[in-house]
C-alpha atoms as a PDB file:
ATOM      1  CA  MET A   1      -2.007  -7.718 -24.354  1.00  0.00           C
ATOM      2  CA  ALA A   2      -3.168  -6.653 -20.900  1.00  0.00           C
ATOM      3  CA  LYS A   3      -0.951  -4.345 -18.866  1.00  0.00           C
ATOM      4  CA  ARG A   4       0.953  -6.028 -16.080  1.00  0.00           C
ATOM      5  CA  MET A   5       1.041  -4.222 -12.749  1.00  0.00           C
ATOM      6  CA  ASN A   6       4.227  -3.501 -10.867  1.00  0.00           C
ATOM      7  CA  TYR A   7       4.346  -3.924  -7.080  1.00  0.00           C
ATOM      8  CA  ASP A   8       2.997  -0.464  -6.220  1.00  0.00           C
ATOM      9  CA  GLU A   9       0.125  -0.773  -8.683  1.00  0.00           C
ATOM     10  CA  PHE A  10      -0.707  -4.227  -7.340  1.00  0.00           C
ATOM     11  CA  MET A  11      -0.779  -2.937  -3.763  1.00  0.00           C
ATOM     12  CA  GLU A  12      -3.152  -0.128  -4.755  1.00  0.00           C
ATOM     13  CA  TYR A  13      -5.340  -2.648  -6.549  1.00  0.00           C
ATOM     14  CA  ALA A  14      -5.308  -4.985  -3.543  1.00  0.00           C
ATOM     15  CA  LYS A  15      -6.251  -2.065  -1.281  1.00  0.00           C
ATOM     16  CA  ALA A  16      -9.122  -1.144  -3.622  1.00  0.00           C
ATOM     17  CA  HIS A  17     -10.334  -4.768  -3.412  1.00  0.00           C
ATOM     18  CA  TYR A  18      -9.587  -5.162   0.282  1.00  0.00           C
ATOM     19  CA  GLU A  19     -12.931  -6.731   1.223  1.00  0.00           C
ATOM     20  CA  LYS A  20     -12.851  -9.008  -1.817  1.00  0.00           C
ATOM     21  CA  GLY A  21      -9.690 -10.924  -0.874  1.00  0.00           C
ATOM     22  CA  GLY A  22      -7.114  -8.223  -1.498  1.00  0.00           C
ATOM     23  CA  ASP A  23      -6.626  -7.750   2.241  1.00  0.00           C
ATOM     24  CA  THR A  24      -4.200 -10.658   2.550  1.00  0.00           C
ATOM     25  CA  PHE A  25      -1.923  -9.262  -0.105  1.00  0.00           C
ATOM     26  CA  PHE A  26      -2.204  -5.664   1.040  1.00  0.00           C
ATOM     27  CA  GLU A  27      -1.514  -6.575   4.677  1.00  0.00           C
ATOM     28  CA  CYS A  28       0.963  -9.431   4.298  1.00  0.00           C
ATOM     29  CA  TRP A  29       2.904  -9.164   1.060  1.00  0.00           C
ATOM     30  CA  GLY A  30       5.961  -7.072   0.524  1.00  0.00           C
ATOM     31  CA  GLU A  31       7.865  -6.337  -2.628  1.00  0.00           C
ATOM     32  CA  LYS A  32       9.945  -9.484  -2.123  1.00  0.00           C
ATOM     33  CA  GLU A  33       6.919 -11.797  -2.107  1.00  0.00           C
ATOM     34  CA  TYR A  34       5.381 -10.080  -5.099  1.00  0.00           C
ATOM     35  CA  GLY A  35       8.620 -10.339  -7.059  1.00  0.00           C
ATOM     36  CA  MET A  36       9.034 -13.971  -6.118  1.00  0.00           C
ATOM     37  CA  PHE A  37       5.585 -15.005  -7.369  1.00  0.00           C
ATOM     38  CA  TYR A  38       5.112 -12.430 -10.149  1.00  0.00           C
ATOM     39  CA  PRO A  39       8.532 -11.356 -11.437  1.00  0.00           C
ATOM     40  CA  ASP A  40       6.935 -10.138 -14.676  1.00  0.00           C
ATOM     41  CA  GLY A  41       3.954  -8.520 -12.934  1.00  0.00           C
ATOM     42  CA  ILE A  42       0.306  -9.546 -12.875  1.00  0.00           C
ATOM     43  CA  THR A  43      -2.714  -8.292 -14.809  1.00  0.00           C
ATOM     44  CA  LYS A  44      -5.816  -6.916 -13.113  1.00  0.00           C
ATOM     45  CA  SER A  45      -7.782  -9.935 -14.319  1.00  0.00           C
ATOM     46  CA  GLU A  46      -5.228 -12.329 -12.821  1.00  0.00           C
ATOM     47  CA  ALA A  47      -5.188 -10.338  -9.583  1.00  0.00           C
ATOM     48  CA  LEU A  48      -8.982 -10.518  -9.240  1.00  0.00           C
ATOM     49  CA  LYS A  49      -8.831 -14.303  -9.650  1.00  0.00           C
ATOM     50  CA  LEU A  50      -6.117 -14.413  -7.001  1.00  0.00           C
ATOM     51  CA  PHE A  51      -8.199 -12.271  -4.630  1.00  0.00           C
ATOM     52  CA  ARG A  52     -11.320 -14.424  -5.153  1.00  0.00           C
ATOM     53  CA  ARG A  53      -9.317 -17.590  -4.484  1.00  0.00           C
ATOM     54  CA  GLU A  54      -7.915 -16.096  -1.281  1.00  0.00           C
ATOM     55  CA  LEU A  55     -11.366 -14.956  -0.118  1.00  0.00           C
ATOM     56  CA  SER A  56     -12.734 -18.447  -0.745  1.00  0.00           C
ATOM     57  CA  HIS A  57      -9.867 -19.900   1.271  1.00  0.00           C
ATOM     58  CA  GLN A  58     -10.569 -17.467   4.129  1.00  0.00           C
ATOM     59  CA  LYS A  59     -14.247 -18.475   4.136  1.00  0.00           C
ATOM     60  CA  ASP A  60     -13.323 -22.169   4.177  1.00  0.00           C
ATOM     61  CA  ILE A  61     -11.094 -21.642   7.200  1.00  0.00           C
ATOM     62  CA  ALA A  62     -13.726 -19.541   8.988  1.00  0.00           C
ATOM     63  CA  GLY A  63     -16.352 -22.234   8.340  1.00  0.00           C
ATOM     64  CA  TYR A  64     -14.068 -24.868   9.785  1.00  0.00           C
ATOM     65  CA  TRP A  65     -13.723 -23.031  13.082  1.00  0.00           C
ATOM     66  CA  TYR A  66     -17.375 -21.976  13.499  1.00  0.00           C
END
């Protein structure tokens, strides 16, 4: 079973993947938000999917305005 990251590990991972969608989580999420959505933690694989989904969303919004 894959290791689940705690809040601090997730923030480091989001920072390391800042330009790949991790920016939203690194800049906007606190421990409360993380605990609310991932009370049991999140794996690196799950986090990368989350980051990619957020980046796609950001690109959709940017395309709408330009």
